[in-house]
PDB file of all heavy atoms in Angstrom:
ATOM      1  N   GLY A   1      -9.680  -1.622  10.308  1.00  0.00           N
ATOM      2  CA  GLY A   1      -8.506  -2.453  10.531  1.00  0.00           C
ATOM      3  C   GLY A   1      -7.386  -2.025   9.606  1.00  0.00           C
ATOM      4  O   GLY A   1      -7.642  -1.573   8.469  1.00  0.00           O
ATOM      5  N   LEU A   2      -6.149  -2.102  10.108  1.00  0.00           N
ATOM      6  CA  LEU A   2      -4.960  -1.855   9.271  1.00  0.00           C
ATOM      7  C   LEU A   2      -3.886  -2.879   9.650  1.00  0.00           C
ATOM      8  O   LEU A   2      -3.644  -3.180  10.774  1.00  0.00           O
ATOM      9  CB  LEU A   2      -4.433  -0.438   9.627  1.00  0.00           C
ATOM     10  CG  LEU A   2      -3.148   0.012   9.009  1.00  0.00           C
ATOM     11  CD1 LEU A   2      -3.258   0.007   7.465  1.00  0.00           C
ATOM     12  CD2 LEU A   2      -2.703   1.266   9.426  1.00  0.00           C
ATOM     13  N   ALA A   3      -3.329  -3.480   8.614  1.00  0.00           N
ATOM     14  CA  ALA A   3      -2.259  -4.436   8.802  1.00  0.00           C
ATOM     15  C   ALA A   3      -1.137  -4.133   7.849  1.00  0.00           C
ATOM     16  O   ALA A   3      -1.368  -3.678   6.617  1.00  0.00           O
ATOM     17  CB  ALA A   3      -2.712  -5.861   8.544  1.00  0.00           C
ATOM     18  N   SER A   4       0.170  -4.206   8.270  1.00  0.00           N
ATOM     19  CA  SER A   4       1.272  -3.859   7.443  1.00  0.00           C
ATOM     20  C   SER A   4       2.543  -4.368   8.035  1.00  0.00           C
ATOM     21  O   SER A   4       2.732  -4.485   9.209  1.00  0.00           O
ATOM     22  CB  SER A   4       1.407  -2.316   7.273  1.00  0.00           C
ATOM     23  OG  SER A   4       2.436  -2.005   6.397  1.00  0.00           O
ATOM     24  N   ASN A   5       3.458  -4.722   7.114  1.00  0.00           N
ATOM     25  CA  ASN A   5       4.837  -5.150   7.532  1.00  0.00           C
ATOM     26  C   ASN A   5       5.867  -4.029   7.243  1.00  0.00           C
ATOM     27  O   ASN A   5       7.027  -4.284   7.215  1.00  0.00           O
ATOM     28  CB  ASN A   5       5.216  -6.493   6.872  1.00  0.00           C
ATOM     29  CG  ASN A   5       5.174  -6.394   5.349  1.00  0.00           C
ATOM     30  OD1 ASN A   5       4.892  -5.314   4.757  1.00  0.00           O
ATOM     31  ND2 ASN A   5       5.457  -7.465   4.672  1.00  0.00           N
ATOM     32  N   SER A   6       5.390  -2.780   7.042  1.00  0.00           N
ATOM     33  CA  SER A   6       6.311  -1.650   6.802  1.00  0.00           C
ATOM     34  C   SER A   6       6.875  -1.168   8.110  1.00  0.00           C
ATOM     35  O   SER A   6       6.271  -1.291   9.176  1.00  0.00           O
ATOM     36  CB  SER A   6       5.559  -0.446   6.149  1.00  0.00           C
ATOM     37  OG  SER A   6       4.663   0.101   7.006  1.00  0.00           O
ATOM     38  N   ASN A   7       8.109  -0.528   7.985  1.00  0.00           N
ATOM     39  CA  ASN A   7       8.726   0.005   9.186  1.00  0.00           C
ATOM     40  C   ASN A   7       7.882   1.192   9.739  1.00  0.00           C
ATOM     41  O   ASN A   7       7.832   1.295  10.952  1.00  0.00           O
ATOM     42  CB  ASN A   7      10.137   0.472   8.819  1.00  0.00           C
ATOM     43  CG  ASN A   7      11.069  -0.630   8.573  1.00  0.00           C
ATOM     44  OD1 ASN A   7      10.890  -1.776   9.150  1.00  0.00           O
ATOM     45  ND2 ASN A   7      12.010  -0.429   7.710  1.00  0.00           N
ATOM     46  N   TRP A   8       7.245   1.931   8.873  1.00  0.00           N
ATOM     47  CA  TRP A   8       6.408   3.024   9.260  1.00  0.00           C
ATOM     48  C   TRP A   8       5.277   2.550  10.181  1.00  0.00           C
ATOM     49  O   TRP A   8       5.016   3.185  11.242  1.00  0.00           O
ATOM     50  CB  TRP A   8       5.826   3.663   8.042  1.00  0.00           C
ATOM     51  CG  TRP A   8       4.671   4.597   8.263  1.00  0.00           C
ATOM     52  CD1 TRP A   8       4.673   5.968   8.627  1.00  0.00           C
ATOM     53  CD2 TRP A   8       3.300   4.228   8.154  1.00  0.00           C
ATOM     54  NE1 TRP A   8       3.374   6.377   8.819  1.00  0.00           N
ATOM     55  CE2 TRP A   8       2.484   5.369   8.515  1.00  0.00           C
ATOM     56  CE3 TRP A   8       2.671   3.019   7.827  1.00  0.00           C
ATOM     57  CZ2 TRP A   8       1.154   5.424   8.554  1.00  0.00           C
ATOM     58  CZ3 TRP A   8       1.234   3.142   7.895  1.00  0.00           C
ATOM     59  CH2 TRP A   8       0.464   4.253   8.201  1.00  0.00           C
ATOM     60  N   PHE A   9       4.667   1.493   9.834  1.00  0.00           N
ATOM     61  CA  PHE A   9       3.515   0.900  10.644  1.00  0.00           C
ATOM     62  C   PHE A   9       4.088   0.446  11.990  1.00  0.00           C
ATOM     63  O   PHE A   9       3.487   0.719  13.073  1.00  0.00           O
ATOM     64  CB  PHE A   9       2.888  -0.225   9.871  1.00  0.00           C
ATOM     65  CG  PHE A   9       1.769  -0.965  10.789  1.00  0.00           C
ATOM     66  CD1 PHE A   9       0.559  -0.284  10.798  1.00  0.00           C
ATOM     67  CD2 PHE A   9       1.966  -2.027  11.356  1.00  0.00           C
ATOM     68  CE1 PHE A   9      -0.493  -0.911  11.517  1.00  0.00           C
ATOM     69  CE2 PHE A   9       0.980  -2.704  12.017  1.00  0.00           C
ATOM     70  CZ  PHE A   9      -0.288  -2.083  12.138  1.00  0.00           C
ATOM     71  N   LYS A  10       5.267  -0.173  11.993  1.00  0.00           N
ATOM     72  CA  LYS A  10       5.760  -0.748  13.274  1.00  0.00           C
ATOM     73  C   LYS A  10       6.083   0.358  14.258  1.00  0.00           C
ATOM     74  O   LYS A  10       5.919   0.391  15.398  1.00  0.00           O
ATOM     75  CB  LYS A  10       7.058  -1.538  12.995  1.00  0.00           C
ATOM     76  CG  LYS A  10       6.684  -2.883  12.297  1.00  0.00           C
ATOM     77  CD  LYS A  10       7.926  -3.601  11.835  1.00  0.00           C
ATOM     78  CE  LYS A  10       7.510  -4.740  10.934  1.00  0.00           C
ATOM     79  NZ  LYS A  10       8.621  -5.405  10.280  1.00  0.00           N
ATOM     80  N   GLU A  11       6.605   1.542  13.720  1.00  0.00           N
ATOM     81  CA  GLU A  11       6.961   2.727  14.486  1.00  0.00           C
ATOM     82  C   GLU A  11       5.705   3.485  15.017  1.00  0.00           C
ATOM     83  O   GLU A  11       5.770   4.004  16.089  1.00  0.00           O
ATOM     84  CB  GLU A  11       7.818   3.718  13.701  1.00  0.00           C
ATOM     85  CG  GLU A  11       9.170   3.140  13.366  1.00  0.00           C
ATOM     86  CD  GLU A  11       9.926   3.968  12.352  1.00  0.00           C
ATOM     87  OE1 GLU A  11       9.451   5.060  11.947  1.00  0.00           O
ATOM     88  OE2 GLU A  11      10.991   3.505  11.846  1.00  0.00           O
ATOM     89  N   LYS A  12       4.612   3.514  14.227  1.00  0.00           N
ATOM     90  CA  LYS A  12       3.457   4.386  14.559  1.00  0.00           C
ATOM     91  C   LYS A  12       2.265   3.571  15.045  1.00  0.00           C
ATOM     92  O   LYS A  12       1.323   4.190  15.419  1.00  0.00           O
ATOM     93  CB  LYS A  12       3.010   5.123  13.348  1.00  0.00           C
ATOM     94  CG  LYS A  12       4.156   6.012  12.627  1.00  0.00           C
ATOM     95  CD  LYS A  12       4.438   7.216  13.497  1.00  0.00           C
ATOM     96  CE  LYS A  12       5.414   8.098  12.832  1.00  0.00           C
ATOM     97  NZ  LYS A  12       5.932   9.141  13.690  1.00  0.00           N
ATOM     98  N   ARG A  13       2.354   2.245  15.089  1.00  0.00           N
ATOM     99  CA  ARG A  13       1.250   1.348  15.396  1.00  0.00           C
ATOM    100  C   ARG A  13       0.524   1.861  16.701  1.00  0.00           C
ATOM    101  O   ARG A  13      -0.707   1.913  16.760  1.00  0.00           O
ATOM    102  CB  ARG A  13       1.757  -0.024  15.482  1.00  0.00           C
ATOM    103  CG  ARG A  13       0.755  -1.044  16.008  1.00  0.00           C
ATOM    104  CD  ARG A  13       1.400  -2.333  16.329  1.00  0.00           C
ATOM    105  NE  ARG A  13       0.485  -3.108  17.149  1.00  0.00           N
ATOM    106  CZ  ARG A  13      -0.278  -4.122  16.613  1.00  0.00           C
ATOM    107  NH1 ARG A  13      -0.189  -4.485  15.475  1.00  0.00           N
ATOM    108  NH2 ARG A  13      -1.039  -4.750  17.453  1.00  0.00           N
ATOM    109  N   HIS A  14       1.268   2.217  17.693  1.00  0.00           N
ATOM    110  CA  HIS A  14       0.709   2.528  19.013  1.00  0.00           C
ATOM    111  C   HIS A  14      -0.077   3.852  18.994  1.00  0.00           C
ATOM    112  O   HIS A  14      -0.830   4.138  19.956  1.00  0.00           O
ATOM    113  CB  HIS A  14       1.779   2.522  20.097  1.00  0.00           C
ATOM    114  CG  HIS A  14       2.846   3.592  19.942  1.00  0.00           C
ATOM    115  ND1 HIS A  14       3.745   3.494  18.887  1.00  0.00           N
ATOM    116  CD2 HIS A  14       3.026   4.747  20.544  1.00  0.00           C
ATOM    117  CE1 HIS A  14       4.507   4.648  18.940  1.00  0.00           C
ATOM    118  NE2 HIS A  14       4.125   5.391  19.912  1.00  0.00           N
ATOM    119  N   LEU A  15       0.164   4.715  17.978  1.00  0.00           N
ATOM    120  CA  LEU A  15      -0.487   5.958  17.874  1.00  0.00           C
ATOM    121  C   LEU A  15      -1.756   5.938  17.021  1.00  0.00           C
ATOM    122  O   LEU A  15      -2.544   6.940  16.994  1.00  0.00           O
ATOM    123  CB  LEU A  15       0.528   6.957  17.312  1.00  0.00           C
ATOM    124  CG  LEU A  15       1.690   7.297  18.048  1.00  0.00           C
ATOM    125  CD1 LEU A  15       2.715   8.138  17.248  1.00  0.00           C
ATOM    126  CD2 LEU A  15       1.515   7.851  19.380  1.00  0.00           C
ATOM    127  N   MET A  16      -1.955   4.883  16.257  1.00  0.00           N
ATOM    128  CA  MET A  16      -2.984   4.892  15.272  1.00  0.00           C
ATOM    129  C   MET A  16      -4.404   4.749  15.853  1.00  0.00           C
ATOM    130  O   MET A  16      -4.619   4.000  16.786  1.00  0.00           O
ATOM    131  CB  MET A  16      -2.733   3.764  14.256  1.00  0.00           C
ATOM    132  CG  MET A  16      -1.578   4.020  13.472  1.00  0.00           C
ATOM    133  SD  MET A  16      -1.310   2.676  12.264  1.00  0.00           S
ATOM    134  CE  MET A  16       0.188   3.256  11.486  1.00  0.00           C
ATOM    135  N   LYS A  17      -5.280   5.471  15.196  1.00  0.00           N
ATOM    136  CA  LYS A  17      -6.731   5.372  15.586  1.00  0.00           C
ATOM    137  C   LYS A  17      -7.543   5.376  14.235  1.00  0.00           C
ATOM    138  O   LYS A  17      -7.052   5.655  13.147  1.00  0.00           O
ATOM    139  CB  LYS A  17      -7.071   6.625  16.355  1.00  0.00           C
ATOM    140  CG  LYS A  17      -6.484   6.635  17.752  1.00  0.00           C
ATOM    141  CD  LYS A  17      -7.170   7.724  18.556  1.00  0.00           C
ATOM    142  CE  LYS A  17      -6.781   7.803  19.944  1.00  0.00           C
ATOM    143  NZ  LYS A  17      -5.616   7.306  20.505  1.00  0.00           N
ATOM    144  N   MET A  18      -8.782   5.036  14.385  1.00  0.00           N
ATOM    145  CA  MET A  18      -9.758   4.995  13.290  1.00  0.00           C
ATOM    146  C   MET A  18      -9.802   6.327  12.535  1.00  0.00           C
ATOM    147  O   MET A  18      -9.711   7.302  13.190  1.00  0.00           O
ATOM    148  CB  MET A  18     -11.126   4.663  13.802  1.00  0.00           C
ATOM    149  CG  MET A  18     -12.195   4.508  12.796  1.00  0.00           C
ATOM    150  SD  MET A  18     -13.860   4.188  13.561  1.00  0.00           S
ATOM    151  CE  MET A  18     -13.536   2.578  14.401  1.00  0.00           C
ATOM    152  N   CYS A  19      -9.877   6.312  11.268  1.00  0.00           N
ATOM    153  CA  CYS A  19     -10.008   7.585  10.442  1.00  0.00           C
ATOM    154  C   CYS A  19     -11.233   7.419   9.531  1.00  0.00           C
ATOM    155  O   CYS A  19     -11.740   6.362   9.316  1.00  0.00           O
ATOM    156  CB  CYS A  19      -8.749   7.884   9.758  1.00  0.00           C
ATOM    157  SG  CYS A  19      -8.378   6.918   8.273  1.00  0.00           S
ATOM    158  N   THR A  20     -11.611   8.556   9.005  1.00  0.00           N
ATOM    159  CA  THR A  20     -12.661   8.599   8.025  1.00  0.00           C
ATOM    160  C   THR A  20     -12.117   8.857   6.657  1.00  0.00           C
ATOM    161  O   THR A  20     -11.202   9.630   6.478  1.00  0.00           O
ATOM    162  CB  THR A  20     -13.645   9.904   8.364  1.00  0.00           C
ATOM    163  OG1 THR A  20     -14.081   9.716   9.734  1.00  0.00           O
ATOM    164  CG2 THR A  20     -14.801   9.831   7.417  1.00  0.00           C
ATOM    165  N   THR A  21     -12.653   8.112   5.682  1.00  0.00           N
ATOM    166  CA  THR A  21     -12.161   8.224   4.334  1.00  0.00           C
ATOM    167  C   THR A  21     -13.388   8.472   3.445  1.00  0.00           C
ATOM    168  O   THR A  21     -14.382   7.765   3.584  1.00  0.00           O
ATOM    169  CB  THR A  21     -11.491   6.912   3.911  1.00  0.00           C
ATOM    170  OG1 THR A  21     -10.269   6.720   4.729  1.00  0.00           O
ATOM    171  CG2 THR A  21     -11.029   7.001   2.389  1.00  0.00           C
ATOM    172  N   ILE A  22     -13.287   9.473   2.541  1.00  0.00           N
ATOM    173  CA  ILE A  22     -14.342   9.773   1.570  1.00  0.00           C
ATOM    174  C   ILE A  22     -13.737   9.359   0.169  1.00  0.00           C
ATOM    175  O   ILE A  22     -12.602   9.808  -0.140  1.00  0.00           O
ATOM    176  CB  ILE A  22     -14.661  11.256   1.539  1.00  0.00           C
ATOM    177  CG1 ILE A  22     -15.129  11.718   2.945  1.00  0.00           C
ATOM    178  CG2 ILE A  22     -15.748  11.524   0.492  1.00  0.00           C
ATOM    179  CD1 ILE A  22     -16.370  11.116   3.481  1.00  0.00           C
ATOM    180  N   ILE A  23     -14.472   8.545  -0.513  1.00  0.00           N
ATOM    181  CA  ILE A  23     -14.052   8.142  -1.819  1.00  0.00           C
ATOM    182  C   ILE A  23     -15.010   8.665  -2.867  1.00  0.00           C
ATOM    183  O   ILE A  23     -16.169   8.517  -2.698  1.00  0.00           O
ATOM    184  CB  ILE A  23     -13.975   6.559  -1.985  1.00  0.00           C
ATOM    185  CG1 ILE A  23     -13.034   5.967  -0.931  1.00  0.00           C
ATOM    186  CG2 ILE A  23     -13.600   6.154  -3.394  1.00  0.00           C
ATOM    187  CD1 ILE A  23     -12.941   4.430  -0.914  1.00  0.00           C
ATOM    188  N   SER A  24     -14.459   9.372  -3.871  1.00  0.00           N
ATOM    189  CA  SER A  24     -15.242   9.894  -4.949  1.00  0.00           C
ATOM    190  C   SER A  24     -14.594   9.568  -6.296  1.00  0.00           C
ATOM    191  O   SER A  24     -13.351   9.286  -6.312  1.00  0.00           O
ATOM    192  CB  SER A  24     -15.523  11.420  -4.788  1.00  0.00           C
ATOM    193  OG  SER A  24     -14.215  12.102  -4.700  1.00  0.00           O
ATOM    194  N   THR A  25     -15.302   9.606  -7.382  1.00  0.00           N
ATOM    195  CA  THR A  25     -14.832   9.373  -8.686  1.00  0.00           C
ATOM    196  C   THR A  25     -14.503  10.629  -9.434  1.00  0.00           C
ATOM    197  O   THR A  25     -15.326  11.581  -9.345  1.00  0.00           O
ATOM    198  CB  THR A  25     -15.881   8.521  -9.527  1.00  0.00           C
ATOM    199  OG1 THR A  25     -16.181   7.335  -8.756  1.00  0.00           O
ATOM    200  CG2 THR A  25     -15.301   8.105 -10.890  1.00  0.00           C
ATOM    201  N   THR A  26     -13.382  10.655 -10.070  1.00  0.00           N
ATOM    202  CA  THR A  26     -13.061  11.910 -10.859  1.00  0.00           C
ATOM    203  C   THR A  26     -13.674  11.800 -12.247  1.00  0.00           C
ATOM    204  O   THR A  26     -14.200  10.757 -12.579  1.00  0.00           O
ATOM    205  CB  THR A  26     -11.488  11.998 -10.999  1.00  0.00           C
ATOM    206  OG1 THR A  26     -11.013  10.976 -11.822  1.00  0.00           O
ATOM    207  CG2 THR A  26     -10.790  12.007  -9.731  1.00  0.00           C
ATOM    208  N   ALA A  27     -13.657  12.903 -12.987  1.00  0.00           N
ATOM    209  CA  ALA A  27     -14.196  12.864 -14.298  1.00  0.00           C
ATOM    210  C   ALA A  27     -13.440  11.860 -15.230  1.00  0.00           C
ATOM    211  O   ALA A  27     -14.071  11.315 -16.173  1.00  0.00           O
ATOM    212  CB  ALA A  27     -13.999  14.289 -14.964  1.00  0.00           C
ATOM    213  N   GLU A  28     -12.219  11.618 -14.964  1.00  0.00           N
ATOM    214  CA  GLU A  28     -11.482  10.587 -15.727  1.00  0.00           C
ATOM    215  C   GLU A  28     -11.725   9.092 -15.277  1.00  0.00           C
ATOM    216  O   GLU A  28     -11.168   8.190 -15.888  1.00  0.00           O
ATOM    217  CB  GLU A  28      -9.906  10.903 -15.626  1.00  0.00           C
ATOM    218  CG  GLU A  28      -9.459  12.231 -16.124  1.00  0.00           C
ATOM    219  CD  GLU A  28      -9.783  13.429 -15.119  1.00  0.00           C
ATOM    220  OE1 GLU A  28      -9.833  13.130 -13.946  1.00  0.00           O
ATOM    221  OE2 GLU A  28      -9.970  14.534 -15.621  1.00  0.00           O
ATOM    222  N   GLY A  29     -12.560   8.959 -14.235  1.00  0.00           N
ATOM    223  CA  GLY A  29     -12.811   7.591 -13.758  1.00  0.00           C
ATOM    224  C   GLY A  29     -11.843   7.021 -12.759  1.00  0.00           C
ATOM    225  O   GLY A  29     -11.914   5.917 -12.477  1.00  0.00           O
ATOM    226  N   ASN A  30     -10.942   7.949 -12.215  1.00  0.00           N
ATOM    227  CA  ASN A  30     -10.025   7.517 -11.163  1.00  0.00           C
ATOM    228  C   ASN A  30     -10.775   7.756  -9.838  1.00  0.00           C
ATOM    229  O   ASN A  30     -11.885   8.288  -9.840  1.00  0.00           O
ATOM    230  CB  ASN A  30      -8.759   8.349 -11.250  1.00  0.00           C
ATOM    231  CG  ASN A  30      -8.059   8.050 -12.566  1.00  0.00           C
ATOM    232  OD1 ASN A  30      -7.905   6.933 -13.041  1.00  0.00           O
ATOM    233  ND2 ASN A  30      -7.560   9.117 -13.200  1.00  0.00           N
ATOM    234  N   LEU A  31     -10.092   7.424  -8.735  1.00  0.00           N
ATOM    235  CA  LEU A  31     -10.709   7.505  -7.401  1.00  0.00           C
ATOM    236  C   LEU A  31      -9.950   8.612  -6.663  1.00  0.00           C
ATOM    237  O   LEU A  31      -8.731   8.565  -6.523  1.00  0.00           O
ATOM    238  CB  LEU A  31     -10.651   6.260  -6.594  1.00  0.00           C
ATOM    239  CG  LEU A  31     -11.539   5.146  -7.086  1.00  0.00           C
ATOM    240  CD1 LEU A  31     -11.361   3.860  -6.140  1.00  0.00           C
ATOM    241  CD2 LEU A  31     -12.980   5.543  -7.098  1.00  0.00           C
TER     242      LEU A  31
END
């Protein structure tokens, strides 16, 4: 799911599809 009140979202909403996200931790503890 994606929700937003940004202009970008309003313009691209009809083109959006599910995507894959990989999250990993860096050596500094960031993502």
